[in-house]
Amino acid sequence: MTEPLPDTVERFLAHKRAIGRKYHSEEAELRLLVRFAHQHRITRIDRLTPMVLEDFFTSRERCRPRSFNHLVGAIAYLLDWAVNQGLLTASPLRTRRRRTSPDRLPFLFDATQARRLLDAAAVLPDNPRAAQRGPTYQALFALCYGLGLRAGEVCGLHIGDVDVQRGLLVVVGGKFGKSRLVPHGPRIAGLIGAQVERRRAGGPALDPDAPLFTFDARRCIHPGTASQTFHQLVTSLDLPVPAGVSPPRLHSLRHSFAVGCLLRWYREGIDPSSRLFQLSTFMGHVDPVSTAVYLTITPALLEQANQRFEAFAQPARTEAKQ
C-alpha cells in the first residue's frame, strides 16, 4: 500500500460526505494528524503505530474530556474505515476516551424569559459594521425559539428560502446535509417579512441566493457571532439558573421549543406519542430517538403527566371502591 496519508484522509472525507455527513470539525482533527505525521516523516496510514498515536494525542493538549474524546473519535473512525478498506489489518488505536462528568440539564426558557430575551435583542444598538442590529437579532433568535431551528440553520437562510405564499421556510443543508420544509404561523411570518423588507431597503433587487441575516449584504451572520450576542444578552438579563442546570446558550432555545411542544400537547389533551414523529420531522431528525434528547423532564411536564395519569386511573379507582 503506497498511498500517501493525506490522500487516504481525503478519500475518507469524501466517503463521509457522500453519505450526507458534513464532517467539518472532524476534518479539522484529521488535519492535525496529517500535520503531525508529516513533521515526524510518517507518510502512510500503516505507519501509524500505537506509540505514534499516543505521542500525537499527548501533543494535543485538551483540558476538557469532551474535546479530547472528539479528537480520539475522529481518528478512530478513520482507522476503522481503513481496516474495512483493507488498508490496515487492525486499528492501531489504543488510547481510551476520558471519563466525562454527568451532563447537566439544559437551560429551558419559559415564555416570559423568551419574551425578555427577544425584547432585549430588539433594542440592541447599531454599530459601524452592523446596521439594524436589534431587529435582525430579534428575528434570528425568534426563529430558534419559535421554530426550534438550529442556529446554523437560521444564520444560513437565504432570501430564496422564504416562501411567503405558503408560509414556509426551506432549510437547506441542515445537520448531516438534510434539507426540509418548515411551516410557520403569522407571527413568525411577520418577523420574517420584516427582515426581508430590511434587506430590500438596503439596496437593489435581491438575488435569491442573497443571505437573509447579514450585516454586510454579502455574508451570512456567523453562528458564533450570534452565540456571542446571545451570551451578552442573557448575562445582562441575569436569568436564574437552577442547580444542576447549564447556563443558557443559544442551543437552549431549540431545547425550549421541543419541551414547549410536549407541554402544550399535554395541556391540550393530546397524546404526545402520537405526535413525536411529526416533531422529529419538523426538527430535522431521522427518528424520534434523536428528538428524545431534547425532551428534558421539567416540573411543569411532570405535573401535566401526573394529571393525565390521575384522569386515566380514576375510573379504576372508582370501580375498586364500589
Protein backbone atom coordinates (compact mmCIF):
# COMPACT_ATOMS: atom_id res chain seq x y z
CA MET A 1 0.00 0.00 0.00
CA THR A 2 1.77 3.18 -1.22
CA GLU A 3 -0.96 5.82 -0.99
CA PRO A 4 0.17 8.91 0.98
CA LEU A 5 -1.62 9.55 4.26
CA PRO A 6 -3.13 12.89 3.09
CA ASP A 7 -4.72 11.10 0.12
CA THR A 8 -6.14 8.41 2.41
CA VAL A 9 -7.68 11.10 4.63
CA GLU A 10 -9.18 12.83 1.57
CA ARG A 11 -10.77 9.56 0.43
CA PHE A 12 -12.18 9.01 3.90
CA LEU A 13 -13.66 12.52 3.99
CA ALA A 14 -15.15 12.04 0.52
CA HIS A 15 -16.76 8.81 1.71
CA LYS A 16 -18.32 10.51 4.73
CA ARG A 17 -19.68 13.38 2.65
CA ALA A 18 -21.03 11.02 0.04
CA ILE A 19 -23.34 9.60 2.72
CA GLY A 20 -24.52 13.03 3.82
CA ARG A 21 -22.09 13.93 6.60
CA LYS A 22 -20.61 17.44 6.69
CA TYR A 23 -17.63 16.35 8.79
CA HIS A 24 -16.17 19.84 9.19
CA SER A 25 -14.99 19.60 12.80
CA GLU A 26 -13.77 16.03 12.25
CA GLU A 27 -11.84 17.19 9.21
CA ALA A 28 -10.02 19.74 11.35
CA GLU A 29 -8.99 16.98 13.77
CA LEU A 30 -7.73 14.78 10.94
CA ARG A 31 -5.71 17.69 9.52
CA LEU A 32 -3.90 17.84 12.86
CA LEU A 33 -2.97 14.18 12.50
CA VAL A 34 -1.73 14.69 8.93
CA ARG A 35 0.41 17.64 10.06
CA PHE A 36 1.83 15.66 12.98
CA ALA A 37 2.62 12.71 10.71
CA HIS A 38 4.36 14.99 8.20
CA GLN A 39 6.50 16.52 10.95
CA HIS A 40 7.56 13.02 12.02
CA ARG A 41 8.10 11.82 8.43
CA ILE A 42 5.24 9.36 8.56
CA THR A 43 3.88 9.11 5.05
CA ARG A 44 1.34 6.26 5.14
CA ILE A 45 -1.51 5.21 7.37
CA ASP A 46 0.04 1.79 8.03
CA ARG A 47 2.97 3.62 9.68
CA LEU A 48 0.71 4.89 12.45
CA THR A 49 1.68 2.70 15.38
CA PRO A 50 0.11 2.76 18.87
CA MET A 51 3.16 4.66 20.15
CA VAL A 52 2.93 7.26 17.35
CA LEU A 53 -0.76 7.82 18.05
CA GLU A 54 -0.11 8.14 21.78
CA ASP A 55 2.54 10.78 21.05
CA PHE A 56 0.06 12.59 18.82
CA PHE A 57 -2.62 12.71 21.50
CA THR A 58 -0.06 13.84 24.07
CA SER A 59 0.95 16.69 21.77
CA ARG A 60 -2.63 17.97 21.63
CA GLU A 61 -3.47 19.45 25.00
CA ARG A 62 -7.19 19.03 25.59
CA CYS A 63 -8.31 20.05 29.06
CA ARG A 64 -11.94 19.12 28.56
CA PRO A 65 -12.75 15.39 28.25
CA ARG A 66 -15.37 16.13 25.59
CA SER A 67 -12.82 17.87 23.36
CA PHE A 68 -10.27 15.09 23.83
CA ASN A 69 -12.87 12.41 23.12
CA HIS A 70 -13.91 14.20 19.94
CA LEU A 71 -10.31 14.06 18.73
CA VAL A 72 -9.98 10.37 19.62
CA GLY A 73 -13.30 9.60 17.96
CA ALA A 74 -12.34 11.29 14.69
CA ILE A 75 -9.09 9.29 14.50
CA ALA A 76 -10.88 6.07 15.48
CA TYR A 77 -13.42 6.42 12.64
CA LEU A 78 -10.60 6.96 10.13
CA LEU A 79 -8.69 3.90 11.30
CA ASP A 80 -11.78 1.68 11.40
CA TRP A 81 -12.61 2.75 7.85
CA ALA A 82 -9.05 1.94 6.79
CA VAL A 83 -9.46 -1.57 8.23
CA ASN A 84 -12.70 -2.05 6.28
CA GLN A 85 -10.94 -0.86 3.13
CA GLY A 86 -8.13 -3.35 3.62
CA LEU A 87 -5.57 -0.61 4.22
CA LEU A 88 -4.88 -1.90 7.73
CA THR A 89 -5.16 -5.36 9.23
CA ALA A 90 -6.23 -3.90 12.59
CA SER A 91 -6.65 -0.47 14.14
CA PRO A 92 -3.51 0.65 16.00
CA LEU A 93 -5.53 2.92 18.29
CA ARG A 94 -5.07 2.01 21.96
CA THR A 95 -5.88 5.36 23.56
CA ARG A 96 -9.10 5.33 25.56
CA ARG A 97 -11.63 8.09 25.80
CA ARG A 98 -11.65 10.06 29.03
CA ARG A 99 -14.45 9.72 31.52
CA THR A 100 -16.77 12.68 31.47
CA SER A 101 -18.78 14.03 34.37
CA PRO A 102 -22.57 13.67 34.16
CA ASP A 103 -24.04 16.26 31.80
CA ARG A 104 -26.06 18.97 33.42
CA LEU A 105 -29.60 19.62 32.28
CA PRO A 106 -30.03 22.23 29.55
CA PHE A 107 -31.46 25.61 30.47
CA LEU A 108 -35.07 25.92 29.27
CA PHE A 109 -36.64 29.29 28.53
CA ASP A 110 -40.22 29.73 29.56
CA ALA A 111 -42.45 32.13 27.60
CA THR A 112 -41.72 35.07 29.88
CA GLN A 113 -37.95 34.59 29.75
CA ALA A 114 -38.04 34.17 25.98
CA ARG A 115 -40.02 37.40 25.64
CA ARG A 116 -37.46 39.23 27.79
CA LEU A 117 -34.68 37.90 25.58
CA LEU A 118 -36.41 38.97 22.35
CA ASP A 119 -37.27 42.38 23.76
CA ALA A 120 -33.67 42.90 24.83
CA ALA A 121 -32.46 41.82 21.39
CA ALA A 122 -34.81 44.25 19.68
CA VAL A 123 -33.16 47.27 21.28
CA LEU A 124 -29.54 46.27 20.64
CA PRO A 125 -27.71 49.37 19.39
CA ASP A 126 -26.23 49.52 15.92
CA ASN A 127 -22.51 49.72 15.39
CA PRO A 128 -20.43 50.86 12.38
CA ARG A 129 -20.41 47.34 10.94
CA ALA A 130 -23.95 46.27 11.84
CA ALA A 131 -26.97 48.39 10.96
CA GLN A 132 -30.44 47.23 12.11
CA ARG A 133 -28.67 45.02 14.60
CA GLY A 134 -31.54 44.87 17.10
CA PRO A 135 -34.45 43.76 14.89
CA THR A 136 -32.13 41.41 12.99
CA TYR A 137 -31.11 39.52 16.11
CA GLN A 138 -34.66 39.60 17.44
CA ALA A 139 -35.88 37.80 14.30
CA LEU A 140 -32.92 35.38 14.37
CA PHE A 141 -33.49 34.35 17.99
CA ALA A 142 -37.26 34.16 17.45
CA LEU A 143 -36.76 31.55 14.72
CA CYS A 144 -34.56 29.49 17.05
CA TYR A 145 -37.17 29.62 19.81
CA GLY A 146 -40.41 29.65 17.81
CA LEU A 147 -39.48 27.03 15.21
CA GLY A 148 -36.76 25.07 17.00
CA LEU A 149 -34.23 25.72 14.26
CA ARG A 150 -30.52 25.26 14.87
CA ALA A 151 -28.51 28.48 14.99
CA GLY A 152 -26.56 27.42 11.92
CA GLU A 153 -29.78 26.76 10.02
CA VAL A 154 -31.18 30.21 10.81
CA CYS A 155 -27.92 32.01 10.05
CA GLY A 156 -27.64 30.11 6.76
CA LEU A 157 -31.04 31.13 5.41
CA HIS A 158 -31.20 32.98 2.09
CA ILE A 159 -33.86 35.16 0.51
CA GLY A 160 -34.89 32.33 -1.81
CA ASP A 161 -35.55 30.09 1.20
CA VAL A 162 -38.53 32.23 2.24
CA ASP A 163 -41.85 31.10 0.72
CA VAL A 164 -44.23 33.89 1.68
CA GLN A 165 -47.23 32.50 -0.17
CA ARG A 166 -47.23 29.13 1.59
CA GLY A 167 -45.79 30.31 4.93
CA LEU A 168 -42.72 28.09 4.67
CA LEU A 169 -39.01 28.25 5.23
CA VAL A 170 -36.78 25.99 3.16
CA VAL A 171 -33.93 24.82 5.37
CA VAL A 172 -31.19 23.69 3.00
CA GLY A 173 -28.30 21.52 4.14
CA GLY A 174 -29.15 21.14 7.83
CA LYS A 175 -27.31 18.70 10.08
CA PHE A 176 -25.91 15.73 8.13
CA GLY A 177 -26.77 17.63 4.93
CA LYS A 178 -30.53 17.11 5.24
CA SER A 179 -32.98 19.71 3.89
CA ARG A 180 -36.60 20.21 4.91
CA LEU A 181 -39.63 22.47 4.72
CA VAL A 182 -40.57 24.29 7.94
CA PRO A 183 -44.10 25.77 8.08
CA HIS A 184 -44.80 28.68 10.40
CA GLY A 185 -47.66 30.84 11.63
CA PRO A 186 -48.50 34.52 11.10
CA ARG A 187 -46.38 35.88 13.98
CA ILE A 188 -43.21 34.26 12.68
CA ALA A 189 -44.25 35.29 9.16
CA GLY A 190 -44.38 38.90 10.33
CA LEU A 191 -40.84 38.75 11.71
CA ILE A 192 -39.50 37.07 8.57
CA GLY A 193 -41.34 39.51 6.31
CA ALA A 194 -39.92 42.47 8.21
CA GLN A 195 -36.42 41.01 7.88
CA VAL A 196 -36.88 40.60 4.12
CA GLU A 197 -38.05 44.22 3.86
CA ARG A 198 -34.99 45.40 5.78
CA ARG A 199 -32.81 43.54 3.35
CA ARG A 200 -34.61 45.02 0.35
CA ALA A 201 -34.33 48.51 1.77
CA GLY A 202 -30.57 48.16 1.86
CA GLY A 203 -30.05 48.16 -1.90
CA PRO A 204 -31.22 46.93 -5.31
CA ALA A 205 -33.34 43.89 -6.06
CA LEU A 206 -32.18 40.92 -4.02
CA ASP A 207 -30.88 37.74 -5.57
CA PRO A 208 -32.50 34.54 -4.21
CA ASP A 209 -29.04 33.47 -3.06
CA ALA A 210 -28.56 36.64 -1.00
CA PRO A 211 -28.33 35.97 2.76
CA LEU A 212 -31.40 36.70 4.85
CA PHE A 213 -29.48 37.52 8.02
CA THR A 214 -26.46 39.66 7.23
CA PHE A 215 -24.85 42.97 8.11
CA ASP A 216 -22.70 43.47 5.01
CA ALA A 217 -25.17 42.18 2.36
CA ARG A 218 -22.63 39.56 1.31
CA ARG A 219 -22.02 37.10 4.13
CA CYS A 220 -24.43 35.36 6.45
CA ILE A 221 -24.12 36.19 10.13
CA HIS A 222 -21.82 33.55 11.60
CA PRO A 223 -23.44 31.30 14.24
CA GLY A 224 -20.51 32.03 16.53
CA THR A 225 -21.20 35.77 16.31
CA ALA A 226 -24.90 35.14 17.03
CA SER A 227 -23.90 32.99 20.01
CA GLN A 228 -21.68 35.75 21.42
CA THR A 229 -24.50 38.28 21.12
CA PHE A 230 -26.90 35.83 22.78
CA HIS A 231 -24.48 35.31 25.67
CA GLN A 232 -24.12 39.06 26.21
CA LEU A 233 -27.90 39.44 26.32
CA VAL A 234 -28.60 36.62 28.77
CA THR A 235 -25.79 37.88 31.01
CA SER A 236 -27.46 41.28 31.16
CA LEU A 237 -30.85 39.67 31.86
CA ASP A 238 -29.41 37.79 34.86
CA LEU A 239 -31.76 34.85 34.42
CA PRO A 240 -31.88 32.46 37.42
CA VAL A 241 -30.16 29.16 36.66
CA PRO A 242 -31.37 26.24 38.83
CA ALA A 243 -28.86 23.91 40.46
CA GLY A 244 -27.69 21.16 38.14
CA VAL A 245 -28.65 23.15 35.03
CA SER A 246 -26.20 24.51 32.46
CA PRO A 247 -26.05 28.26 31.85
CA PRO A 248 -28.21 29.43 28.91
CA ARG A 249 -26.69 29.06 25.48
CA LEU A 250 -28.10 29.67 22.02
CA HIS A 251 -28.94 26.00 21.51
CA SER A 252 -31.11 26.22 24.65
CA LEU A 253 -33.76 27.91 22.50
CA ARG A 254 -34.10 24.74 20.42
CA HIS A 255 -34.40 22.63 23.58
CA SER A 256 -37.06 25.03 24.86
CA PHE A 257 -39.06 24.67 21.66
CA ALA A 258 -39.14 20.87 21.91
CA VAL A 259 -40.14 20.80 25.59
CA GLY A 260 -42.67 23.56 24.97
CA CYS A 261 -44.35 21.45 22.27
CA LEU A 262 -44.60 18.47 24.60
CA LEU A 263 -46.05 20.59 27.41
CA ARG A 264 -48.59 22.17 25.07
CA TRP A 265 -49.77 18.75 23.89
CA TYR A 266 -50.29 17.62 27.45
CA ARG A 267 -52.32 20.70 28.26
CA GLU A 268 -54.44 20.30 25.13
CA GLY A 269 -55.18 16.65 25.93
CA ILE A 270 -53.14 15.32 23.00
CA ASP A 271 -51.24 12.05 23.31
CA PRO A 272 -47.57 13.11 22.87
CA SER A 273 -46.58 9.69 21.49
CA SER A 274 -48.88 10.28 18.53
CA ARG A 275 -47.06 13.48 17.63
CA LEU A 276 -43.41 12.59 18.16
CA PHE A 277 -42.86 11.57 14.55
CA GLN A 278 -44.19 14.95 13.40
CA LEU A 279 -41.99 16.79 15.89
CA SER A 280 -38.98 14.71 14.83
CA THR A 281 -39.55 15.56 11.16
CA PHE A 282 -40.16 19.22 11.95
CA MET A 283 -36.87 19.47 13.85
CA GLY A 284 -34.91 17.71 11.12
CA HIS A 285 -34.29 14.40 12.88
CA VAL A 286 -34.27 10.97 11.28
CA ASP A 287 -36.37 9.40 14.04
CA PRO A 288 -37.87 10.25 17.45
CA VAL A 289 -34.87 8.75 19.24
CA SER A 290 -32.83 11.82 18.25
CA THR A 291 -35.67 14.13 19.28
CA ALA A 292 -35.89 12.50 22.70
CA VAL A 293 -32.52 14.05 23.59
CA TYR A 294 -34.28 17.42 23.68
CA LEU A 295 -37.24 16.33 25.81
CA THR A 296 -35.98 17.24 29.25
CA ILE A 297 -38.41 16.44 32.07
CA THR A 298 -39.46 19.63 33.86
CA PRO A 299 -41.75 20.18 36.89
CA ALA A 300 -44.45 21.50 34.56
CA LEU A 301 -44.25 18.37 32.42
CA LEU A 302 -44.36 16.12 35.48
CA GLU A 303 -47.43 17.94 36.74
CA GLN A 304 -49.21 17.51 33.41
CA ALA A 305 -48.19 13.84 33.21
CA ASN A 306 -49.49 13.25 36.74
CA GLN A 307 -52.79 14.88 35.88
CA ARG A 308 -53.03 12.69 32.78
CA PHE A 309 -52.36 9.56 34.86
CA GLU A 310 -54.88 10.59 37.53
CA ALA A 311 -57.57 11.03 34.88
CA PHE A 312 -56.65 7.65 33.39
CA ALA A 313 -56.67 5.83 36.75
CA GLN A 314 -59.79 7.44 38.21
CA PRO A 315 -62.33 5.00 36.65
CA ALA A 316 -60.38 2.04 38.03
CA ARG A 317 -60.24 3.59 41.49
CA THR A 318 -63.98 4.28 41.46
CA GLU A 319 -64.73 0.71 40.40
CA ALA A 320 -62.46 -0.68 43.12
CA LYS A 321 -64.28 1.34 45.80
CA GLN A 322 -67.63 0.01 44.64
